[in-house]
PDB file of all heavy atoms in Angstrom:
ATOM      1  N   GLU A   1     -19.905 -37.295   4.399  1.00  0.00           N
ATOM      2  CA  GLU A   1     -19.867 -36.713   3.061  1.00  0.00           C
ATOM      3  C   GLU A   1     -18.459 -36.789   2.467  1.00  0.00           C
ATOM      4  O   GLU A   1     -18.291 -37.096   1.286  1.00  0.00           O
ATOM      5  CB  GLU A   1     -20.343 -35.267   3.103  1.00  0.00           C
ATOM      6  CG  GLU A   1     -20.570 -34.670   1.746  1.00  0.00           C
ATOM      7  CD  GLU A   1     -21.237 -33.303   1.790  1.00  0.00           C
ATOM      8  OE1 GLU A   1     -21.855 -32.965   2.796  1.00  0.00           O
ATOM      9  OE2 GLU A   1     -21.117 -32.589   0.789  1.00  0.00           O
ATOM     10  N   ILE A   2     -17.454 -36.543   3.287  1.00  0.00           N
ATOM     11  CA  ILE A   2     -16.064 -36.638   2.829  1.00  0.00           C
ATOM     12  C   ILE A   2     -15.765 -38.065   2.389  1.00  0.00           C
ATOM     13  O   ILE A   2     -15.169 -38.293   1.328  1.00  0.00           O
ATOM     14  CB  ILE A   2     -15.084 -36.173   3.926  1.00  0.00           C
ATOM     15  CG1 ILE A   2     -15.173 -34.658   4.093  1.00  0.00           C
ATOM     16  CG2 ILE A   2     -13.656 -36.619   3.623  1.00  0.00           C
ATOM     17  CD1 ILE A   2     -14.453 -34.127   5.322  1.00  0.00           C
ATOM     18  N   ASN A   3     -16.192 -39.047   3.190  1.00  0.00           N
ATOM     19  CA  ASN A   3     -15.963 -40.456   2.828  1.00  0.00           C
ATOM     20  C   ASN A   3     -16.657 -40.796   1.517  1.00  0.00           C
ATOM     21  O   ASN A   3     -16.095 -41.499   0.669  1.00  0.00           O
ATOM     22  CB  ASN A   3     -16.457 -41.382   3.935  1.00  0.00           C
ATOM     23  CG  ASN A   3     -15.606 -41.288   5.185  1.00  0.00           C
ATOM     24  OD1 ASN A   3     -14.479 -40.813   5.160  1.00  0.00           O
ATOM     25  ND2 ASN A   3     -16.163 -41.726   6.296  1.00  0.00           N
ATOM     26  N   HIS A   4     -17.875 -40.294   1.332  1.00  0.00           N
ATOM     27  CA  HIS A   4     -18.619 -40.532   0.086  1.00  0.00           C
ATOM     28  C   HIS A   4     -17.870 -39.911  -1.099  1.00  0.00           C
ATOM     29  O   HIS A   4     -17.724 -40.542  -2.148  1.00  0.00           O
ATOM     30  CB  HIS A   4     -20.025 -39.951   0.205  1.00  0.00           C
ATOM     31  CG  HIS A   4     -20.829 -40.064  -1.046  1.00  0.00           C
ATOM     32  ND1 HIS A   4     -21.313 -41.263  -1.506  1.00  0.00           N
ATOM     33  CD2 HIS A   4     -21.225 -39.140  -1.938  1.00  0.00           C
ATOM     34  CE1 HIS A   4     -21.963 -41.067  -2.630  1.00  0.00           C
ATOM     35  NE2 HIS A   4     -21.937 -39.783  -2.918  1.00  0.00           N
ATOM     36  N   LEU A   5     -17.392 -38.681  -0.937  1.00  0.00           N
ATOM     37  CA  LEU A   5     -16.670 -38.009  -2.021  1.00  0.00           C
ATOM     38  C   LEU A   5     -15.360 -38.718  -2.343  1.00  0.00           C
ATOM     39  O   LEU A   5     -14.972 -38.813  -3.507  1.00  0.00           O
ATOM     40  CB  LEU A   5     -16.420 -36.544  -1.669  1.00  0.00           C
ATOM     41  CG  LEU A   5     -17.676 -35.664  -1.631  1.00  0.00           C
ATOM     42  CD1 LEU A   5     -17.342 -34.277  -1.097  1.00  0.00           C
ATOM     43  CD2 LEU A   5     -18.322 -35.581  -2.998  1.00  0.00           C
ATOM     44  N   GLN A   6     -14.696 -39.245  -1.329  1.00  0.00           N
ATOM     45  CA  GLN A   6     -13.461 -39.993  -1.574  1.00  0.00           C
ATOM     46  C   GLN A   6     -13.762 -41.267  -2.367  1.00  0.00           C
ATOM     47  O   GLN A   6     -13.005 -41.645  -3.258  1.00  0.00           O
ATOM     48  CB  GLN A   6     -12.765 -40.332  -0.257  1.00  0.00           C
ATOM     49  CG  GLN A   6     -12.124 -39.125   0.387  1.00  0.00           C
ATOM     50  CD  GLN A   6     -11.565 -39.403   1.770  1.00  0.00           C
ATOM     51  OE1 GLN A   6     -11.991 -40.332   2.464  1.00  0.00           O
ATOM     52  NE2 GLN A   6     -10.619 -38.574   2.193  1.00  0.00           N
ATOM     53  N   GLY A   7     -14.885 -41.912  -2.057  1.00  0.00           N
ATOM     54  CA  GLY A   7     -15.296 -43.090  -2.820  1.00  0.00           C
ATOM     55  C   GLY A   7     -15.602 -42.737  -4.266  1.00  0.00           C
ATOM     56  O   GLY A   7     -15.232 -43.462  -5.190  1.00  0.00           O
ATOM     57  N   LEU A   8     -16.275 -41.594  -4.485  1.00  0.00           N
ATOM     58  CA  LEU A   8     -16.562 -41.144  -5.846  1.00  0.00           C
ATOM     59  C   LEU A   8     -15.283 -40.834  -6.610  1.00  0.00           C
ATOM     60  O   LEU A   8     -15.178 -41.128  -7.800  1.00  0.00           O
ATOM     61  CB  LEU A   8     -17.461 -39.900  -5.824  1.00  0.00           C
ATOM     62  CG  LEU A   8     -18.913 -40.129  -5.429  1.00  0.00           C
ATOM     63  CD1 LEU A   8     -19.652 -38.794  -5.360  1.00  0.00           C
ATOM     64  CD2 LEU A   8     -19.604 -41.060  -6.398  1.00  0.00           C
ATOM     65  N   LYS A   9     -14.321 -40.261  -5.914  1.00  0.00           N
ATOM     66  CA  LYS A   9     -13.045 -39.937  -6.555  1.00  0.00           C
ATOM     67  C   LYS A   9     -12.344 -41.214  -7.018  1.00  0.00           C
ATOM     68  O   LYS A   9     -11.818 -41.277  -8.130  1.00  0.00           O
ATOM     69  CB  LYS A   9     -12.164 -39.164  -5.573  1.00  0.00           C
ATOM     70  CG  LYS A   9     -10.850 -38.706  -6.147  1.00  0.00           C
ATOM     71  CD  LYS A   9     -10.048 -37.913  -5.130  1.00  0.00           C
ATOM     72  CE  LYS A   9      -8.712 -37.499  -5.692  1.00  0.00           C
ATOM     73  NZ  LYS A   9      -7.896 -36.766  -4.718  1.00  0.00           N
ATOM     74  N   LYS A  10     -12.361 -42.251  -6.177  1.00  0.00           N
ATOM     75  CA  LYS A  10     -11.751 -43.529  -6.558  1.00  0.00           C
ATOM     76  C   LYS A  10     -12.495 -44.146  -7.741  1.00  0.00           C
ATOM     77  O   LYS A  10     -11.877 -44.670  -8.673  1.00  0.00           O
ATOM     78  CB  LYS A  10     -11.771 -44.493  -5.374  1.00  0.00           C
ATOM     79  CG  LYS A  10     -10.809 -44.141  -4.265  1.00  0.00           C
ATOM     80  CD  LYS A  10     -10.954 -45.111  -3.113  1.00  0.00           C
ATOM     81  CE  LYS A  10     -10.110 -44.692  -1.928  1.00  0.00           C
ATOM     82  NZ  LYS A  10     -10.321 -45.587  -0.760  1.00  0.00           N
ATOM     83  N   ALA A  11     -13.824 -44.096  -7.692  1.00  0.00           N
ATOM     84  CA  ALA A  11     -14.619 -44.654  -8.789  1.00  0.00           C
ATOM     85  C   ALA A  11     -14.356 -43.899 -10.085  1.00  0.00           C
ATOM     86  O   ALA A  11     -14.216 -44.504 -11.152  1.00  0.00           O
ATOM     87  CB  ALA A  11     -16.107 -44.601  -8.431  1.00  0.00           C
ATOM     88  N   HIS A  12     -14.268 -42.583 -10.006  1.00  0.00           N
ATOM     89  CA  HIS A  12     -14.006 -41.785 -11.204  1.00  0.00           C
ATOM     90  C   HIS A  12     -12.646 -42.130 -11.801  1.00  0.00           C
ATOM     91  O   HIS A  12     -12.498 -42.228 -13.019  1.00  0.00           O
ATOM     92  CB  HIS A  12     -14.074 -40.292 -10.893  1.00  0.00           C
ATOM     93  CG  HIS A  12     -13.810 -39.449 -12.098  1.00  0.00           C
ATOM     94  ND1 HIS A  12     -12.565 -38.962 -12.395  1.00  0.00           N
ATOM     95  CD2 HIS A  12     -14.632 -39.031 -13.080  1.00  0.00           C
ATOM     96  CE1 HIS A  12     -12.622 -38.276 -13.521  1.00  0.00           C
ATOM     97  NE2 HIS A  12     -13.862 -38.298 -13.959  1.00  0.00           N
ATOM     98  N   ALA A  13     -11.649 -42.330 -10.943  1.00  0.00           N
ATOM     99  CA  ALA A  13     -10.313 -42.681 -11.433  1.00  0.00           C
ATOM    100  C   ALA A  13     -10.362 -43.998 -12.215  1.00  0.00           C
ATOM    101  O   ALA A  13      -9.727 -44.127 -13.267  1.00  0.00           O
ATOM    102  CB  ALA A  13      -9.330 -42.776 -10.274  1.00  0.00           C
ATOM    103  N   LEU A  14     -11.143 -44.967 -11.716  1.00  0.00           N
ATOM    104  CA  LEU A  14     -11.272 -46.232 -12.436  1.00  0.00           C
ATOM    105  C   LEU A  14     -12.024 -46.065 -13.744  1.00  0.00           C
ATOM    106  O   LEU A  14     -11.634 -46.595 -14.777  1.00  0.00           O
ATOM    107  CB  LEU A  14     -12.009 -47.259 -11.574  1.00  0.00           C
ATOM    108  CG  LEU A  14     -11.233 -47.843 -10.413  1.00  0.00           C
ATOM    109  CD1 LEU A  14     -12.163 -48.681  -9.540  1.00  0.00           C
ATOM    110  CD2 LEU A  14     -10.080 -48.687 -10.908  1.00  0.00           C
ATOM    111  N   LEU A  15     -13.110 -45.312 -13.704  1.00  0.00           N
ATOM    112  CA  LEU A  15     -13.943 -45.143 -14.903  1.00  0.00           C
ATOM    113  C   LEU A  15     -13.250 -44.315 -15.978  1.00  0.00           C
ATOM    114  O   LEU A  15     -13.556 -44.450 -17.157  1.00  0.00           O
ATOM    115  CB  LEU A  15     -15.276 -44.491 -14.532  1.00  0.00           C
ATOM    116  CG  LEU A  15     -16.206 -45.351 -13.682  1.00  0.00           C
ATOM    117  CD1 LEU A  15     -17.393 -44.527 -13.208  1.00  0.00           C
ATOM    118  CD2 LEU A  15     -16.655 -46.573 -14.442  1.00  0.00           C
ATOM    119  N   ALA A  16     -12.329 -43.463 -15.576  1.00  0.00           N
ATOM    120  CA  ALA A  16     -11.661 -42.575 -16.524  1.00  0.00           C
ATOM    121  C   ALA A  16     -10.492 -43.239 -17.241  1.00  0.00           C
ATOM    122  O   ALA A  16      -9.900 -42.628 -18.125  1.00  0.00           O
ATOM    123  CB  ALA A  16     -11.180 -41.316 -15.801  1.00  0.00           C
ATOM    124  N   GLU A  17     -10.157 -44.467 -16.873  1.00  0.00           N
ATOM    125  CA  GLU A  17      -9.053 -45.150 -17.536  1.00  0.00           C
ATOM    126  C   GLU A  17      -9.379 -45.303 -19.020  1.00  0.00           C
ATOM    127  O   GLU A  17     -10.381 -45.898 -19.395  1.00  0.00           O
ATOM    128  CB  GLU A  17      -8.810 -46.518 -16.915  1.00  0.00           C
ATOM    129  CG  GLU A  17      -8.244 -46.457 -15.514  1.00  0.00           C
ATOM    130  CD  GLU A  17      -8.004 -47.839 -14.932  1.00  0.00           C
ATOM    131  OE1 GLU A  17      -8.217 -48.850 -15.635  1.00  0.00           O
ATOM    132  OE2 GLU A  17      -7.601 -47.899 -13.766  1.00  0.00           O
ATOM    133  N   ALA A  18      -8.522 -44.761 -19.858  1.00  0.00           N
ATOM    134  CA  ALA A  18      -8.779 -44.738 -21.303  1.00  0.00           C
ATOM    135  C   ALA A  18      -8.577 -46.097 -21.965  1.00  0.00           C
ATOM    136  O   ALA A  18      -9.046 -46.317 -23.070  1.00  0.00           O
ATOM    137  CB  ALA A  18      -7.869 -43.697 -21.961  1.00  0.00           C
ATOM    138  N   ASP A  19      -7.900 -47.011 -21.288  1.00  0.00           N
ATOM    139  CA  ASP A  19      -7.591 -48.284 -21.921  1.00  0.00           C
ATOM    140  C   ASP A  19      -8.629 -49.369 -21.593  1.00  0.00           C
ATOM    141  O   ASP A  19      -8.327 -50.542 -21.559  1.00  0.00           O
ATOM    142  CB  ASP A  19      -6.196 -48.753 -21.513  1.00  0.00           C
ATOM    143  CG  ASP A  19      -6.060 -48.965 -20.009  1.00  0.00           C
ATOM    144  OD1 ASP A  19      -6.890 -48.421 -19.252  1.00  0.00           O
ATOM    145  OD2 ASP A  19      -5.133 -49.675 -19.601  1.00  0.00           O
ATOM    146  N   ARG A  20      -9.868 -48.933 -21.339  1.00  0.00           N
ATOM    147  CA  ARG A  20     -10.929 -49.877 -20.978  1.00  0.00           C
ATOM    148  C   ARG A  20     -12.169 -49.679 -21.836  1.00  0.00           C
ATOM    149  O   ARG A  20     -12.504 -48.579 -22.225  1.00  0.00           O
ATOM    150  CB  ARG A  20     -11.344 -49.689 -19.523  1.00  0.00           C
ATOM    151  CG  ARG A  20     -10.233 -49.816 -18.536  1.00  0.00           C
ATOM    152  CD  ARG A  20     -10.248 -51.177 -17.922  1.00  0.00           C
ATOM    153  NE  ARG A  20      -9.196 -51.274 -16.925  1.00  0.00           N
ATOM    154  CZ  ARG A  20      -8.348 -52.285 -16.894  1.00  0.00           C
ATOM    155  NH1 ARG A  20      -8.423 -53.235 -17.766  1.00  0.00           N
ATOM    156  NH2 ARG A  20      -7.418 -52.334 -15.979  1.00  0.00           N
ATOM    157  N   HIS A  21     -12.835 -50.783 -22.126  1.00  0.00           N
ATOM    158  CA  HIS A  21     -14.184 -50.768 -22.684  1.00  0.00           C
ATOM    159  C   HIS A  21     -15.112 -51.146 -21.537  1.00  0.00           C
ATOM    160  O   HIS A  21     -14.877 -52.140 -20.846  1.00  0.00           O
ATOM    161  CB  HIS A  21     -14.348 -51.806 -23.802  1.00  0.00           C
ATOM    162  CG  HIS A  21     -13.667 -51.449 -25.070  1.00  0.00           C
ATOM    163  ND1 HIS A  21     -14.099 -50.430 -25.890  1.00  0.00           N
ATOM    164  CD2 HIS A  21     -12.580 -51.973 -25.673  1.00  0.00           C
ATOM    165  CE1 HIS A  21     -13.318 -50.354 -26.941  1.00  0.00           C
ATOM    166  NE2 HIS A  21     -12.370 -51.269 -26.829  1.00  0.00           N
ATOM    167  N   TRP A  22     -16.155 -50.364 -21.326  1.00  0.00           N
ATOM    168  CA  TRP A  22     -17.085 -50.596 -20.221  1.00  0.00           C
ATOM    169  C   TRP A  22     -18.426 -51.070 -20.755  1.00  0.00           C
ATOM    170  O   TRP A  22     -18.898 -50.613 -21.784  1.00  0.00           O
ATOM    171  CB  TRP A  22     -17.296 -49.308 -19.430  1.00  0.00           C
ATOM    172  CG  TRP A  22     -16.068 -48.863 -18.714  1.00  0.00           C
ATOM    173  CD1 TRP A  22     -15.126 -47.991 -19.173  1.00  0.00           C
ATOM    174  CD2 TRP A  22     -15.629 -49.259 -17.427  1.00  0.00           C
ATOM    175  NE1 TRP A  22     -14.132 -47.837 -18.249  1.00  0.00           N
ATOM    176  CE2 TRP A  22     -14.416 -48.595 -17.160  1.00  0.00           C
ATOM    177  CE3 TRP A  22     -16.140 -50.121 -16.460  1.00  0.00           C
ATOM    178  CZ2 TRP A  22     -13.718 -48.758 -15.978  1.00  0.00           C
ATOM    179  CZ3 TRP A  22     -15.442 -50.279 -15.280  1.00  0.00           C
ATOM    180  CH2 TRP A  22     -14.246 -49.610 -15.043  1.00  0.00           C
ATOM    181  N   PHE A  23     -19.037 -51.999 -20.041  1.00  0.00           N
ATOM    182  CA  PHE A  23     -20.417 -52.371 -20.337  1.00  0.00           C
ATOM    183  C   PHE A  23     -21.107 -52.764 -19.035  1.00  0.00           C
ATOM    184  O   PHE A  23     -20.458 -52.962 -18.011  1.00  0.00           O
ATOM    185  CB  PHE A  23     -20.499 -53.478 -21.386  1.00  0.00           C
ATOM    186  CG  PHE A  23     -19.917 -54.800 -20.982  1.00  0.00           C
ATOM    187  CD1 PHE A  23     -20.724 -55.791 -20.448  1.00  0.00           C
ATOM    188  CD2 PHE A  23     -18.571 -55.054 -21.158  1.00  0.00           C
ATOM    189  CE1 PHE A  23     -20.184 -57.018 -20.082  1.00  0.00           C
ATOM    190  CE2 PHE A  23     -18.026 -56.273 -20.808  1.00  0.00           C
ATOM    191  CZ  PHE A  23     -18.845 -57.261 -20.269  1.00  0.00           C
ATOM    192  N   VAL A  24     -22.417 -52.821 -19.091  1.00  0.00           N
ATOM    193  CA  VAL A  24     -23.225 -53.070 -17.902  1.00  0.00           C
ATOM    194  C   VAL A  24     -24.080 -54.314 -18.121  1.00  0.00           C
ATOM    195  O   VAL A  24     -24.653 -54.502 -19.189  1.00  0.00           O
ATOM    196  CB  VAL A  24     -24.140 -51.862 -17.607  1.00  0.00           C
ATOM    197  CG1 VAL A  24     -25.104 -52.156 -16.471  1.00  0.00           C
ATOM    198  CG2 VAL A  24     -23.313 -50.627 -17.293  1.00  0.00           C
ATOM    199  N   ILE A  25     -24.139 -55.148 -17.095  1.00  0.00           N
ATOM    200  CA  ILE A  25     -25.100 -56.246 -17.049  1.00  0.00           C
ATOM    201  C   ILE A  25     -26.123 -55.830 -16.008  1.00  0.00           C
ATOM    202  O   ILE A  25     -25.777 -55.563 -14.862  1.00  0.00           O
ATOM    203  CB  ILE A  25     -24.426 -57.572 -16.639  1.00  0.00           C
ATOM    204  CG1 ILE A  25     -23.336 -57.943 -17.630  1.00  0.00           C
ATOM    205  CG2 ILE A  25     -25.459 -58.673 -16.507  1.00  0.00           C
ATOM    206  CD1 ILE A  25     -22.470 -59.103 -17.173  1.00  0.00           C
ATOM    207  N   ARG A  26     -27.373 -55.715 -16.414  1.00  0.00           N
ATOM    208  CA  ARG A  26     -28.383 -55.262 -15.468  1.00  0.00           C
ATOM    209  C   ARG A  26     -29.538 -56.249 -15.377  1.00  0.00           C
ATOM    210  O   ARG A  26     -29.830 -56.961 -16.313  1.00  0.00           O
ATOM    211  CB  ARG A  26     -28.887 -53.871 -15.807  1.00  0.00           C
ATOM    212  CG  ARG A  26     -29.591 -53.732 -17.120  1.00  0.00           C
ATOM    213  CD  ARG A  26     -30.194 -52.338 -17.336  1.00  0.00           C
ATOM    214  NE  ARG A  26     -29.197 -51.328 -17.569  1.00  0.00           N
ATOM    215  CZ  ARG A  26     -29.155 -50.164 -16.921  1.00  0.00           C
ATOM    216  NH1 ARG A  26     -30.023 -49.866 -16.010  1.00  0.00           N
ATOM    217  NH2 ARG A  26     -28.223 -49.288 -17.196  1.00  0.00           N
ATOM    218  N   ASN A  27     -30.152 -56.276 -14.216  1.00  0.00           N
ATOM    219  CA  ASN A  27     -31.334 -57.091 -13.982  1.00  0.00           C
ATOM    220  C   ASN A  27     -32.543 -56.167 -14.046  1.00  0.00           C
ATOM    221  O   ASN A  27     -32.883 -55.503 -13.086  1.00  0.00           O
ATOM    222  CB  ASN A  27     -31.258 -57.794 -12.627  1.00  0.00           C
ATOM    223  CG  ASN A  27     -32.431 -58.721 -12.395  1.00  0.00           C
ATOM    224  OD1 ASN A  27     -33.356 -58.776 -13.194  1.00  0.00           O
ATOM    225  ND2 ASN A  27     -32.399 -59.438 -11.295  1.00  0.00           N
ATOM    226  N   ASP A  28     -33.166 -56.116 -15.201  1.00  0.00           N
ATOM    227  CA  ASP A  28     -34.334 -55.261 -15.399  1.00  0.00           C
ATOM    228  C   ASP A  28     -35.635 -56.021 -15.186  1.00  0.00           C
ATOM    229  O   ASP A  28     -36.665 -55.672 -15.747  1.00  0.00           O
ATOM    230  CB  ASP A  28     -34.337 -54.671 -16.815  1.00  0.00           C
ATOM    231  CG  ASP A  28     -33.265 -53.622 -16.995  1.00  0.00           C
ATOM    232  OD1 ASP A  28     -32.926 -52.957 -16.010  1.00  0.00           O
ATOM    233  OD2 ASP A  28     -32.768 -53.479 -18.125  1.00  0.00           O
ATOM    234  N   ASN A  29     -35.573 -57.090 -14.402  1.00  0.00           N
ATOM    235  CA  ASN A  29     -36.742 -57.924 -14.119  1.00  0.00           C
ATOM    236  C   ASN A  29     -37.271 -58.613 -15.371  1.00  0.00           C
ATOM    237  O   ASN A  29     -38.422 -59.014 -15.413  1.00  0.00           O
ATOM    238  CB  ASN A  29     -37.856 -57.119 -13.442  1.00  0.00           C
ATOM    239  CG  ASN A  29     -37.411 -56.533 -12.127  1.00  0.00           C
ATOM    240  OD1 ASN A  29     -36.607 -57.122 -11.426  1.00  0.00           O
ATOM    241  ND2 ASN A  29     -37.924 -55.374 -11.799  1.00  0.00           N
ATOM    242  N   ASN A  30     -36.443 -58.740 -16.420  1.00  0.00           N
ATOM    243  CA  ASN A  30     -36.844 -59.452 -17.632  1.00  0.00           C
ATOM    244  C   ASN A  30     -36.333 -60.884 -17.625  1.00  0.00           C
ATOM    245  O   ASN A  30     -36.536 -61.611 -18.576  1.00  0.00           O
ATOM    246  CB  ASN A  30     -36.309 -58.733 -18.881  1.00  0.00           C
ATOM    247  CG  ASN A  30     -36.923 -57.361 -19.042  1.00  0.00           C
ATOM    248  OD1 ASN A  30     -38.055 -57.132 -18.652  1.00  0.00           O
ATOM    249  ND2 ASN A  30     -36.168 -56.441 -19.607  1.00  0.00           N
ATOM    250  N   TRP A  31     -35.630 -61.275 -16.595  1.00  0.00           N
ATOM    251  CA  TRP A  31     -35.071 -62.610 -16.508  1.00  0.00           C
ATOM    252  C   TRP A  31     -36.080 -63.531 -15.836  1.00  0.00           C
ATOM    253  O   TRP A  31     -36.946 -63.081 -15.088  1.00  0.00           O
ATOM    254  CB  TRP A  31     -33.738 -62.583 -15.773  1.00  0.00           C
ATOM    255  CG  TRP A  31     -32.673 -61.863 -16.533  1.00  0.00           C
ATOM    256  CD1 TRP A  31     -32.688 -61.565 -17.863  1.00  0.00           C
ATOM    257  CD2 TRP A  31     -31.464 -61.327 -16.023  1.00  0.00           C
ATOM    258  NE1 TRP A  31     -31.542 -60.886 -18.204  1.00  0.00           N
ATOM    259  CE2 TRP A  31     -30.769 -60.721 -17.104  1.00  0.00           C
ATOM    260  CE3 TRP A  31     -30.886 -61.297 -14.786  1.00  0.00           C
ATOM    261  CZ2 TRP A  31     -29.545 -60.109 -16.969  1.00  0.00           C
ATOM    262  CZ3 TRP A  31     -29.643 -60.683 -14.640  1.00  0.00           C
ATOM    263  CH2 TRP A  31     -28.991 -60.104 -15.720  1.00  0.00           C
ATOM    264  N   PRO A  32     -35.958 -64.838 -16.069  1.00  0.00           N
ATOM    265  CA  PRO A  32     -36.988 -65.752 -15.575  1.00  0.00           C
ATOM    266  C   PRO A  32     -37.072 -65.865 -14.052  1.00  0.00           C
ATOM    267  O   PRO A  32     -38.099 -66.280 -13.534  1.00  0.00           O
ATOM    268  CB  PRO A  32     -36.605 -67.100 -16.190  1.00  0.00           C
ATOM    269  CG  PRO A  32     -35.244 -66.943 -16.750  1.00  0.00           C
ATOM    270  CD  PRO A  32     -34.959 -65.487 -16.882  1.00  0.00           C
TER     271      PRO A  32
END
């Protein structure tokens, strides 16, 4: 659980960077 929380903390630090625009490419099974 500690390792998981440390990973979340690192991910949050990246996502919280104000100088970024974020977008997602997802495979919703609509591709050929």
